[in-house]
Amino acid sequence: MVLLSIPFSIAISVPIGFYISPRPKMARVVIYIASILMTIPSLALFGIMVVLLAPFNIGLGKVPAVLAIMLYSLLPIIRNTYTALNQVSPRMIEAARGMGLTKGQILFRIKLPLSIPVIMAGVRNAVVLGISVATFASLVGAGGLGYYIFSGISRTNFLMVLSGALVVSFLGIAVNILLTKMEDLVTPKGLKITRVKE
């Protein structure tokens, strides 16, 4: 479910982050709306998705779960994209303009490479958050590892609850480590912090 929802989140959030980066007033509104979506309790958001999608006969199953996870993932990616693009030094941009680079070239040759680490950090946060939210997906018939937790609670089977909780925790930690490695791979060498040997 997370693998299905995060690509949609990235496809929506990154372009929005790019669009609002030179528009601070619009950025405040967009980030505020995304923040409101994230403050809705995950179980309540699943319930809203069920009600909204019920008339289309897709109120239960993976569709509401994927949409809920996608909505929860918008804020970290939009915010990090916006922040990353606006933290590029104005002097560097002025130097690029002086060299004759167009706005598009400045965006894709200067701003984007320098912004990749922060954008990837937003994606990593969104994925880990999505894994935790996905545990509630079993309550809307979407299955997932949350099934073992909630079924174990209803049956007073603490071993089942512990097994589900440990697997979800391990998955979140493993994915976080994997995405940290990926973040390091896509970060330009000049931006990597090197430790000075004492």
Protein backbone atom coordinates (compact mmCIF):
# COMPACT_ATOMS: atom_id res chain seq x y z
CA MET A 1 0.00 0.00 0.00
CA VAL A 2 2.86 2.36 0.82
CA LEU A 3 4.60 1.44 -2.44
CA LEU A 4 1.38 2.34 -4.29
CA SER A 5 0.69 5.61 -2.47
CA ILE A 6 4.16 7.20 -2.21
CA PRO A 7 4.81 7.50 -5.99
CA PHE A 8 1.48 9.35 -6.32
CA SER A 9 2.46 11.54 -3.37
CA ILE A 10 5.81 12.38 -4.95
CA ALA A 11 4.17 13.06 -8.33
CA ILE A 12 1.79 15.55 -6.68
CA SER A 13 3.97 17.07 -3.95
CA VAL A 14 7.23 17.77 -5.78
CA PRO A 15 5.62 19.78 -8.63
CA ILE A 16 3.56 21.70 -6.04
CA GLY A 17 6.75 22.42 -4.08
CA PHE A 18 8.43 23.66 -7.26
CA TYR A 19 5.42 25.83 -8.17
CA ILE A 20 5.09 27.50 -4.76
CA SER A 21 8.84 27.96 -4.19
CA PRO A 22 8.91 31.50 -5.68
CA ARG A 23 5.45 32.34 -4.27
CA PRO A 24 5.66 32.67 -0.45
CA LYS A 25 2.04 33.76 0.04
CA MET A 26 0.69 30.79 -1.90
CA ALA A 27 3.20 28.54 -0.13
CA ARG A 28 1.81 29.48 3.27
CA VAL A 29 -1.73 28.57 2.15
CA VAL A 30 -0.71 25.27 0.52
CA ILE A 31 1.46 24.16 3.47
CA TYR A 32 -1.31 25.17 5.89
CA ILE A 33 -3.87 23.03 4.01
CA ALA A 34 -1.44 20.09 3.90
CA SER A 35 -0.82 20.56 7.64
CA ILE A 36 -4.56 20.37 8.33
CA LEU A 37 -4.78 17.09 6.40
CA MET A 38 -1.92 15.70 8.48
CA THR A 39 -3.51 16.72 11.79
CA ILE A 40 -6.62 14.62 11.08
CA PRO A 41 -6.29 11.40 13.11
CA SER A 42 -5.41 8.53 10.79
CA LEU A 43 -8.39 6.41 11.81
CA ALA A 44 -10.74 9.35 11.18
CA LEU A 45 -9.18 9.92 7.75
CA PHE A 46 -9.73 6.26 6.85
CA GLY A 47 -13.36 6.68 7.92
CA ILE A 48 -13.77 9.79 5.75
CA MET A 49 -12.29 7.95 2.76
CA VAL A 50 -14.71 5.05 3.29
CA VAL A 51 -17.72 7.39 3.33
CA LEU A 52 -16.55 9.42 0.30
CA LEU A 53 -15.75 6.35 -1.80
CA ALA A 54 -18.74 4.23 -0.77
CA PRO A 55 -21.04 5.62 -3.54
CA PHE A 56 -18.48 4.37 -6.09
CA ASN A 57 -18.40 0.87 -4.52
CA ILE A 58 -14.73 1.27 -3.54
CA GLY A 59 -15.29 2.37 0.05
CA LEU A 60 -13.57 -0.72 1.47
CA GLY A 61 -10.27 -2.27 0.51
CA LYS A 62 -6.98 -0.89 -0.75
CA VAL A 63 -8.33 2.25 -2.49
CA PRO A 64 -9.30 4.23 0.64
CA ALA A 65 -6.11 3.04 2.37
CA VAL A 66 -3.86 4.17 -0.50
CA LEU A 67 -5.63 7.54 -0.73
CA ALA A 68 -5.36 8.12 3.03
CA ILE A 69 -1.64 7.29 3.08
CA MET A 70 -1.11 9.53 0.05
CA LEU A 71 -2.82 12.48 1.75
CA TYR A 72 -0.75 11.97 4.90
CA SER A 73 2.44 11.95 2.83
CA LEU A 74 1.84 15.29 1.09
CA LEU A 75 3.05 17.64 3.82
CA PRO A 76 6.61 16.30 4.42
CA ILE A 77 7.41 16.25 0.70
CA ILE A 78 5.82 19.62 -0.17
CA ARG A 79 7.43 21.35 2.83
CA ASN A 80 10.88 19.87 2.20
CA THR A 81 10.75 20.64 -1.53
CA TYR A 82 9.73 24.25 -0.84
CA THR A 83 12.37 24.67 1.88
CA ALA A 84 15.12 23.05 -0.19
CA LEU A 85 14.55 25.20 -3.26
CA ASN A 86 14.50 28.39 -1.20
CA GLN A 87 17.63 27.66 0.79
CA VAL A 88 19.89 27.90 -2.26
CA SER A 89 22.21 30.89 -1.84
CA PRO A 90 21.02 34.01 -3.74
CA ARG A 91 24.66 34.75 -4.60
CA MET A 92 24.91 31.42 -6.37
CA ILE A 93 21.76 32.19 -8.36
CA GLU A 94 23.10 35.66 -9.25
CA ALA A 95 26.36 34.08 -10.42
CA ALA A 96 24.39 31.64 -12.59
CA ARG A 97 22.42 34.52 -14.11
CA GLY A 98 25.67 36.36 -14.77
CA MET A 99 26.88 33.32 -16.71
CA GLY A 100 23.79 33.59 -18.91
CA LEU A 101 21.75 30.68 -17.55
CA THR A 102 18.00 30.85 -18.06
CA LYS A 103 15.44 30.36 -15.25
CA GLY A 104 14.90 26.76 -16.34
CA GLN A 105 18.62 26.05 -16.42
CA ILE A 106 19.08 27.61 -12.98
CA LEU A 107 16.25 25.45 -11.65
CA PHE A 108 17.45 22.14 -13.07
CA ARG A 109 21.23 22.68 -13.02
CA ILE A 110 21.65 24.64 -9.79
CA LYS A 111 18.61 24.51 -7.51
CA LEU A 112 17.50 20.90 -8.06
CA PRO A 113 20.90 19.21 -7.51
CA LEU A 114 21.42 21.28 -4.34
CA SER A 115 17.89 20.47 -3.13
CA ILE A 116 17.95 16.70 -3.64
CA PRO A 117 19.14 15.78 -0.10
CA VAL A 118 16.37 17.77 1.61
CA ILE A 119 13.70 16.55 -0.83
CA MET A 120 14.81 12.94 -0.27
CA ALA A 121 14.64 13.49 3.49
CA GLY A 122 11.00 14.55 3.02
CA VAL A 123 10.29 11.42 0.98
CA ARG A 124 11.94 9.27 3.66
CA ASN A 125 9.81 10.85 6.39
CA ALA A 126 6.68 10.35 4.25
CA VAL A 127 7.43 6.66 3.68
CA VAL A 128 8.09 5.93 7.37
CA LEU A 129 4.93 7.86 8.30
CA GLY A 130 3.01 5.90 5.64
CA ILE A 131 4.11 2.59 7.15
CA SER A 132 2.79 3.60 10.57
CA VAL A 133 -0.50 4.87 9.11
CA ALA A 134 -0.90 1.71 7.01
CA THR A 135 -1.35 -0.37 10.18
CA PHE A 136 -4.92 1.00 10.34
CA ALA A 137 -5.66 -0.19 6.80
CA SER A 138 -6.87 -3.57 8.04
CA LEU A 139 -9.84 -1.80 9.68
CA VAL A 140 -11.16 -0.85 6.23
CA GLY A 141 -10.61 -4.28 4.71
CA ALA A 142 -7.27 -3.50 3.06
CA GLY A 143 -5.27 -6.09 4.98
CA GLY A 144 -1.69 -5.37 5.94
CA LEU A 145 0.34 -6.04 9.05
CA GLY A 146 -2.11 -4.12 11.22
CA TYR A 147 -4.42 -7.11 10.90
CA TYR A 148 -2.25 -9.10 13.31
CA ILE A 149 -2.21 -6.27 15.86
CA PHE A 150 -5.94 -5.60 15.87
CA SER A 151 -6.93 -9.26 15.56
CA GLY A 152 -4.59 -10.09 18.42
CA ILE A 153 -6.16 -7.39 20.58
CA SER A 154 -9.70 -8.61 19.85
CA ARG A 155 -8.71 -12.20 20.63
CA THR A 156 -6.56 -11.24 23.65
CA ASN A 157 -3.68 -12.96 21.88
CA PHE A 158 -0.70 -10.94 23.07
CA LEU A 159 1.81 -13.02 21.11
CA MET A 160 -0.07 -12.10 17.92
CA VAL A 161 -0.08 -8.42 18.90
CA LEU A 162 3.64 -8.49 19.71
CA SER A 163 4.49 -10.26 16.45
CA GLY A 164 2.58 -7.71 14.37
CA ALA A 165 4.06 -4.77 16.30
CA LEU A 166 7.62 -6.06 15.96
CA VAL A 167 7.27 -6.70 12.22
CA VAL A 168 5.84 -3.20 11.63
CA SER A 169 8.64 -1.67 13.72
CA PHE A 170 11.31 -3.67 11.91
CA LEU A 171 9.83 -2.68 8.53
CA GLY A 172 9.83 1.02 9.46
CA ILE A 173 13.45 0.89 10.69
CA ALA A 174 14.64 -1.13 7.67
CA VAL A 175 12.96 1.19 5.16
CA ASN A 176 14.38 4.24 6.96
CA ILE A 177 17.91 2.81 6.75
CA LEU A 178 17.45 1.88 3.07
CA LEU A 179 16.16 5.33 2.13
CA THR A 180 18.98 6.99 4.10
CA LYS A 181 21.46 5.01 1.98
CA MET A 182 19.56 6.01 -1.18
CA GLU A 183 19.56 9.64 -0.03
CA ASP A 184 23.34 9.44 0.33
CA LEU A 185 23.70 7.96 -3.16
CA VAL A 186 21.72 10.73 -4.89
CA THR A 187 23.37 13.56 -2.94
CA PRO A 188 26.02 15.36 -5.03
CA LYS A 189 29.54 14.64 -3.75
CA GLY A 190 30.20 18.32 -3.09
CA LEU A 191 27.34 18.46 -0.58
CA LYS A 192 28.40 15.47 1.46
CA ILE A 193 29.93 16.30 4.83
CA THR A 194 33.34 14.73 5.25
CA ARG A 195 34.72 14.15 8.70
CA VAL A 196 38.14 15.59 9.35
CA LYS A 197 40.47 13.06 10.96
CA GLU A 198 41.95 14.38 14.20
